[in-house]
């Protein structure tokens, strides 16, 4: 599991649609979660230009998309 410094769980890939840090999700209190993408080391994985083949080669142990 990848956790941002703010405590938000990050899920790279799928063009950012599954990542709680992309700014389109709300927390338990209904507040919009701030976008964490600018500081994210995995932002490239969320861009449409980044192929899933590259994700398969990821060497990050906690990546949730790692096979």
PDB file of N, CA and C in Angstrom:
ATOM      1  N   UNK A   1       0.847  -1.172   0.000  1.00  0.00           N
ATOM      2  CA  UNK A   1       0.000   0.000   0.000  1.00  0.00           C
ATOM      3  C   UNK A   1       0.896   1.240   0.000  1.00  0.00           C
ATOM      4  N   UNK A   2       0.551   2.187  -0.869  1.00  0.00           N
ATOM      5  CA  UNK A   2       1.299   3.431  -0.962  1.00  0.00           C
ATOM      6  C   UNK A   2       0.479   4.519  -0.272  1.00  0.00           C
ATOM      7  N   UNK A   3       1.054   5.136   0.745  1.00  0.00           N
ATOM      8  CA  UNK A   3       0.337   6.166   1.498  1.00  0.00           C
ATOM      9  C   UNK A   3       1.084   7.491   1.359  1.00  0.00           C
ATOM     10  N   UNK A   4       0.365   8.522   0.940  1.00  0.00           N
ATOM     11  CA  UNK A   4       0.914   9.867   0.801  1.00  0.00           C
ATOM     12  C   UNK A   4       1.224  10.428   2.192  1.00  0.00           C
ATOM     13  N   UNK A   5       2.018  11.487   2.248  1.00  0.00           N
ATOM     14  CA  UNK A   5       2.359  12.108   3.529  1.00  0.00           C
ATOM     15  C   UNK A   5       1.111  12.634   4.250  1.00  0.00           C
ATOM     16  N   UNK A   6       0.035  12.875   3.499  1.00  0.00           N
ATOM     17  CA  UNK A   6      -1.212  13.345   4.113  1.00  0.00           C
ATOM     18  C   UNK A   6      -2.063  12.194   4.635  1.00  0.00           C
ATOM     19  N   UNK A   7      -1.626  10.948   4.372  1.00  0.00           N
ATOM     20  CA  UNK A   7      -2.372   9.778   4.824  1.00  0.00           C
ATOM     21  C   UNK A   7      -3.312   9.211   3.785  1.00  0.00           C
ATOM     22  N   UNK A   8      -3.326   9.794   2.580  1.00  0.00           N
ATOM     23  CA  UNK A   8      -4.193   9.325   1.502  1.00  0.00           C
ATOM     24  C   UNK A   8      -3.557   8.110   0.831  1.00  0.00           C
ATOM     25  N   UNK A   9      -4.353   7.068   0.602  1.00  0.00           N
ATOM     26  CA  UNK A   9      -3.863   5.872  -0.079  1.00  0.00           C
ATOM     27  C   UNK A   9      -3.798   6.160  -1.576  1.00  0.00           C
ATOM     28  N   UNK A  10      -2.622   5.938  -2.171  1.00  0.00           N
ATOM     29  CA  UNK A  10      -2.413   6.190  -3.587  1.00  0.00           C
ATOM     30  C   UNK A  10      -2.429   4.882  -4.368  1.00  0.00           C
ATOM     31  N   UNK A  11      -3.124   4.886  -5.504  1.00  0.00           N
ATOM     32  CA  UNK A  11      -3.176   3.713  -6.375  1.00  0.00           C
ATOM     33  C   UNK A  11      -2.809   4.163  -7.789  1.00  0.00           C
ATOM     34  N   UNK A  12      -1.554   3.986  -8.194  1.00  0.00           N
ATOM     35  CA  UNK A  12      -1.141   4.415  -9.522  1.00  0.00           C
ATOM     36  C   UNK A  12      -1.784   3.581 -10.625  1.00  0.00           C
ATOM     37  N   UNK A  13      -1.790   4.126 -11.837  1.00  0.00           N
ATOM     38  CA  UNK A  13      -2.320   3.422 -12.994  1.00  0.00           C
ATOM     39  C   UNK A  13      -3.775   3.750 -13.273  1.00  0.00           C
ATOM     40  N   UNK A  14      -4.326   3.150 -14.341  1.00  0.00           N
ATOM     41  CA  UNK A  14      -5.716   3.326 -14.758  1.00  0.00           C
ATOM     42  C   UNK A  14      -6.067   4.802 -14.939  1.00  0.00           C
ATOM     43  N   UNK A  15      -5.107   5.567 -15.453  1.00  0.00           N
ATOM     44  CA  UNK A  15      -5.265   7.003 -15.682  1.00  0.00           C
ATOM     45  C   UNK A  15      -5.724   7.759 -14.437  1.00  0.00           C
ATOM     46  N   UNK A  16      -5.364   7.251 -13.252  1.00  0.00           N
ATOM     47  CA  UNK A  16      -5.677   7.921 -11.994  1.00  0.00           C
ATOM     48  C   UNK A  16      -7.096   7.745 -11.500  1.00  0.00           C
ATOM     49  N   UNK A  17      -7.906   6.980 -12.221  1.00  0.00           N
ATOM     50  CA  UNK A  17      -9.324   6.835 -11.867  1.00  0.00           C
ATOM     51  C   UNK A  17      -9.535   6.135 -10.529  1.00  0.00           C
ATOM     52  N   UNK A  18      -8.605   5.260 -10.130  1.00  0.00           N
ATOM     53  CA  UNK A  18      -8.747   4.512  -8.879  1.00  0.00           C
ATOM     54  C   UNK A  18      -8.016   5.151  -7.711  1.00  0.00           C
ATOM     55  N   UNK A  19      -7.258   6.204  -7.973  1.00  0.00           N
ATOM     56  CA  UNK A  19      -6.407   6.786  -6.935  1.00  0.00           C
ATOM     57  C   UNK A  19      -7.160   7.809  -6.094  1.00  0.00           C
ATOM     58  N   UNK A  20      -7.183   7.596  -4.812  1.00  0.00           N
ATOM     59  CA  UNK A  20      -7.861   8.516  -3.892  1.00  0.00           C
ATOM     60  C   UNK A  20      -7.181   9.874  -3.835  1.00  0.00           C
ATOM     61  N   UNK A  21      -5.948   9.968  -4.324  1.00  0.00           N
ATOM     62  CA  UNK A  21      -5.213  11.229  -4.292  1.00  0.00           C
ATOM     63  C   UNK A  21      -5.385  12.079  -5.533  1.00  0.00           C
ATOM     64  N   UNK A  22      -6.303  11.714  -6.427  1.00  0.00           N
ATOM     65  CA  UNK A  22      -6.431  12.489  -7.665  1.00  0.00           C
ATOM     66  C   UNK A  22      -7.338  13.703  -7.532  1.00  0.00           C
ATOM     67  N   UNK A  23      -7.903  13.934  -6.370  1.00  0.00           N
ATOM     68  CA  UNK A  23      -8.693  15.138  -6.137  1.00  0.00           C
ATOM     69  C   UNK A  23     -10.165  15.028  -6.473  1.00  0.00           C
ATOM     70  N   UNK A  24     -10.624  13.852  -6.899  1.00  0.00           N
ATOM     71  CA  UNK A  24     -12.038  13.718  -7.244  1.00  0.00           C
ATOM     72  C   UNK A  24     -12.811  12.851  -6.249  1.00  0.00           C
ATOM     73  N   UNK A  25     -12.203  12.553  -5.119  1.00  0.00           N
ATOM     74  CA  UNK A  25     -12.841  11.734  -4.095  1.00  0.00           C
ATOM     75  C   UNK A  25     -13.113  12.567  -2.850  1.00  0.00           C
ATOM     76  N   UNK A  26     -14.028  12.102  -2.030  1.00  0.00           N
ATOM     77  CA  UNK A  26     -14.349  12.790  -0.775  1.00  0.00           C
ATOM     78  C   UNK A  26     -13.963  11.895   0.406  1.00  0.00           C
ATOM     79  N   UNK A  27     -13.561  12.536   1.514  1.00  0.00           N
ATOM     80  CA  UNK A  27     -13.231  11.774   2.709  1.00  0.00           C
ATOM     81  C   UNK A  27     -14.513  11.432   3.472  1.00  0.00           C
ATOM     82  N   UNK A  28     -14.373  10.827   4.628  1.00  0.00           N
ATOM     83  CA  UNK A  28     -15.535  10.391   5.425  1.00  0.00           C
ATOM     84  C   UNK A  28     -16.421  11.547   5.875  1.00  0.00           C
ATOM     85  N   UNK A  29     -15.871  12.756   5.900  1.00  0.00           N
ATOM     86  CA  UNK A  29     -16.644  13.928   6.313  1.00  0.00           C
ATOM     87  C   UNK A  29     -17.281  14.658   5.131  1.00  0.00           C
ATOM     88  N   UNK A  30     -17.085  14.135   3.909  1.00  0.00           N
ATOM     89  CA  UNK A  30     -17.648  14.768   2.725  1.00  0.00           C
ATOM     90  C   UNK A  30     -16.785  15.851   2.122  1.00  0.00           C
ATOM     91  N   UNK A  31     -15.579  16.036   2.669  1.00  0.00           N
ATOM     92  CA  UNK A  31     -14.661  17.037   2.134  1.00  0.00           C
ATOM     93  C   UNK A  31     -13.882  16.442   0.963  1.00  0.00           C
ATOM     94  N   UNK A  32     -13.700  17.236  -0.090  1.00  0.00           N
ATOM     95  CA  UNK A  32     -12.942  16.751  -1.233  1.00  0.00           C
ATOM     96  C   UNK A  32     -11.491  16.545  -0.827  1.00  0.00           C
ATOM     97  N   UNK A  33     -10.924  15.427  -1.216  1.00  0.00           N
ATOM     98  CA  UNK A  33      -9.526  15.127  -0.916  1.00  0.00           C
ATOM     99  C   UNK A  33      -8.646  15.934  -1.856  1.00  0.00           C
ATOM    100  N   UNK A  34      -7.652  16.603  -1.299  1.00  0.00           N
ATOM    101  CA  UNK A  34      -6.738  17.412  -2.096  1.00  0.00           C
ATOM    102  C   UNK A  34      -5.968  16.533  -3.072  1.00  0.00           C
ATOM    103  N   UNK A  35      -5.717  17.057  -4.246  1.00  0.00           N
ATOM    104  CA  UNK A  35      -4.969  16.317  -5.262  1.00  0.00           C
ATOM    105  C   UNK A  35      -3.515  16.154  -4.811  1.00  0.00           C
ATOM    106  N   UNK A  36      -3.023  14.929  -4.828  1.00  0.00           N
ATOM    107  CA  UNK A  36      -1.652  14.626  -4.421  1.00  0.00           C
ATOM    108  C   UNK A  36      -0.741  14.413  -5.629  1.00  0.00           C
ATOM    109  N   UNK A  37      -1.277  14.551  -6.846  1.00  0.00           N
ATOM    110  CA  UNK A  37      -0.540  14.186  -8.054  1.00  0.00           C
ATOM    111  C   UNK A  37       0.761  14.955  -8.244  1.00  0.00           C
ATOM    112  N   UNK A  38       0.776  16.221  -7.883  1.00  0.00           N
ATOM    113  CA  UNK A  38       1.967  17.037  -8.122  1.00  0.00           C
ATOM    114  C   UNK A  38       3.207  16.511  -7.413  1.00  0.00           C
ATOM    115  N   UNK A  39       3.016  15.904  -6.256  1.00  0.00           N
ATOM    116  CA  UNK A  39       4.158  15.393  -5.495  1.00  0.00           C
ATOM    117  C   UNK A  39       4.335  13.885  -5.642  1.00  0.00           C
ATOM    118  N   UNK A  40       3.485  13.239  -6.422  1.00  0.00           N
ATOM    119  CA  UNK A  40       3.477  11.775  -6.472  1.00  0.00           C
ATOM    120  C   UNK A  40       4.578  11.224  -7.370  1.00  0.00           C
ATOM    121  N   UNK A  41       5.362  10.293  -6.840  1.00  0.00           N
ATOM    122  CA  UNK A  41       6.411   9.644  -7.621  1.00  0.00           C
ATOM    123  C   UNK A  41       5.831   8.734  -8.701  1.00  0.00           C
ATOM    124  N   UNK A  42       4.549   8.411  -8.586  1.00  0.00           N
ATOM    125  CA  UNK A  42       3.911   7.468  -9.504  1.00  0.00           C
ATOM    126  C   UNK A  42       2.965   8.151 -10.477  1.00  0.00           C
ATOM    127  N   UNK A  43       3.029   9.487 -10.569  1.00  0.00           N
ATOM    128  CA  UNK A  43       2.109  10.218 -11.433  1.00  0.00           C
ATOM    129  C   UNK A  43       2.200   9.741 -12.885  1.00  0.00           C
ATOM    130  N   UNK A  44       3.410   9.426 -13.358  1.00  0.00           N
ATOM    131  CA  UNK A  44       3.580   8.958 -14.725  1.00  0.00           C
ATOM    132  C   UNK A  44       2.716   7.730 -15.009  1.00  0.00           C
ATOM    133  N   UNK A  45       2.529   6.879 -14.016  1.00  0.00           N
ATOM    134  CA  UNK A  45       1.735   5.668 -14.186  1.00  0.00           C
ATOM    135  C   UNK A  45       0.264   5.975 -14.437  1.00  0.00           C
ATOM    136  N   UNK A  46      -0.174   7.186 -14.134  1.00  0.00           N
ATOM    137  CA  UNK A  46      -1.576   7.552 -14.284  1.00  0.00           C
ATOM    138  C   UNK A  46      -1.864   8.243 -15.611  1.00  0.00           C
ATOM    139  N   UNK A  47      -0.826   8.537 -16.388  1.00  0.00           N
ATOM    140  CA  UNK A  47      -1.015   9.216 -17.663  1.00  0.00           C
ATOM    141  C   UNK A  47      -1.352   8.202 -18.752  1.00  0.00           C
ATOM    142  N   UNK A  48      -2.216   8.562 -19.699  1.00  0.00           N
ATOM    143  CA  UNK A  48      -2.613   7.628 -20.754  1.00  0.00           C
ATOM    144  C   UNK A  48      -1.436   7.171 -21.619  1.00  0.00           C
ATOM    145  N   UNK A  49      -0.372   7.979 -21.682  1.00  0.00           N
ATOM    146  CA  UNK A  49       0.793   7.609 -22.492  1.00  0.00           C
ATOM    147  C   UNK A  49       1.597   6.467 -21.858  1.00  0.00           C
ATOM    148  N   UNK A  50       1.392   6.241 -20.576  1.00  0.00           N
ATOM    149  CA  UNK A  50       2.151   5.219 -19.848  1.00  0.00           C
ATOM    150  C   UNK A  50       1.459   3.867 -20.019  1.00  0.00           C
ATOM    151  N   UNK A  51       2.142   2.939 -20.639  1.00  0.00           N
ATOM    152  CA  UNK A  51       1.510   1.653 -20.931  1.00  0.00           C
ATOM    153  C   UNK A  51       1.508   0.726 -19.721  1.00  0.00           C
ATOM    154  N   UNK A  52       0.556  -0.185 -19.711  1.00  0.00           N
ATOM    155  CA  UNK A  52       0.471  -1.168 -18.636  1.00  0.00           C
ATOM    156  C   UNK A  52       1.710  -2.061 -18.616  1.00  0.00           C
ATOM    157  N   UNK A  53       2.357  -2.225 -19.769  1.00  0.00           N
ATOM    158  CA  UNK A  53       3.584  -3.022 -19.828  1.00  0.00           C
ATOM    159  C   UNK A  53       4.649  -2.436 -18.910  1.00  0.00           C
ATOM    160  N   UNK A  54       4.721  -1.108 -18.840  1.00  0.00           N
ATOM    161  CA  UNK A  54       5.687  -0.456 -17.948  1.00  0.00           C
ATOM    162  C   UNK A  54       5.346  -0.750 -16.493  1.00  0.00           C
ATOM    163  N   UNK A  55       4.060  -0.797 -16.175  1.00  0.00           N
ATOM    164  CA  UNK A  55       3.645  -1.074 -14.796  1.00  0.00           C
ATOM    165  C   UNK A  55       4.052  -2.475 -14.363  1.00  0.00           C
ATOM    166  N   UNK A  56       4.046  -3.409 -15.291  1.00  0.00           N
ATOM    167  CA  UNK A  56       4.438  -4.782 -14.963  1.00  0.00           C
ATOM    168  C   UNK A  56       5.903  -4.863 -14.551  1.00  0.00           C
ATOM    169  N   UNK A  57       6.702  -3.902 -15.018  1.00  0.00           N
ATOM    170  CA  UNK A  57       8.139  -3.889 -14.718  1.00  0.00           C
ATOM    171  C   UNK A  57       8.466  -3.080 -13.467  1.00  0.00           C
ATOM    172  N   UNK A  58       7.455  -2.551 -12.805  1.00  0.00           N
ATOM    173  CA  UNK A  58       7.666  -1.714 -11.623  1.00  0.00           C
ATOM    174  C   UNK A  58       8.399  -2.504 -10.538  1.00  0.00           C
ATOM    175  N   UNK A  59       9.406  -1.895  -9.944  1.00  0.00           N
ATOM    176  CA  UNK A  59      10.157  -2.595  -8.902  1.00  0.00           C
ATOM    177  C   UNK A  59       9.783  -2.116  -7.500  1.00  0.00           C
ATOM    178  N   UNK A  60       8.692  -1.335  -7.403  1.00  0.00           N
ATOM    179  CA  UNK A  60       8.244  -0.858  -6.104  1.00  0.00           C
ATOM    180  C   UNK A  60       7.468  -1.978  -5.404  1.00  0.00           C
ATOM    181  N   UNK A  61       7.967  -2.435  -4.277  1.00  0.00           N
ATOM    182  CA  UNK A  61       7.424  -3.597  -3.578  1.00  0.00           C
ATOM    183  C   UNK A  61       5.935  -3.462  -3.231  1.00  0.00           C
ATOM    184  N   UNK A  62       5.507  -2.278  -2.817  1.00  0.00           N
ATOM    185  CA  UNK A  62       4.134  -2.105  -2.343  1.00  0.00           C
ATOM    186  C   UNK A  62       3.145  -1.657  -3.418  1.00  0.00           C
ATOM    187  N   UNK A  63       3.547  -1.643  -4.679  1.00  0.00           N
ATOM    188  CA  UNK A  63       2.639  -1.193  -5.723  1.00  0.00           C
ATOM    189  C   UNK A  63       1.439  -2.149  -5.812  1.00  0.00           C
ATOM    190  N   UNK A  64       0.203  -1.616  -5.711  1.00  0.00           N
ATOM    191  CA  UNK A  64      -0.971  -2.481  -5.717  1.00  0.00           C
ATOM    192  C   UNK A  64      -1.256  -3.116  -7.082  1.00  0.00           C
ATOM    193  N   UNK A  65      -0.654  -2.635  -8.123  1.00  0.00           N
ATOM    194  CA  UNK A  65      -0.879  -3.194  -9.459  1.00  0.00           C
ATOM    195  C   UNK A  65       0.197  -4.203  -9.848  1.00  0.00           C
ATOM    196  N   UNK A  66       1.185  -4.398  -9.004  1.00  0.00           N
ATOM    197  CA  UNK A  66       2.274  -5.321  -9.325  1.00  0.00           C
ATOM    198  C   UNK A  66       1.752  -6.746  -9.376  1.00  0.00           C
ATOM    199  N   UNK A  67       2.186  -7.464 -10.401  1.00  0.00           N
ATOM    200  CA  UNK A  67       1.738  -8.867 -10.534  1.00  0.00           C
ATOM    201  C   UNK A  67       2.443  -9.762  -9.556  1.00  0.00           C
TER     202      UNK A  67
END
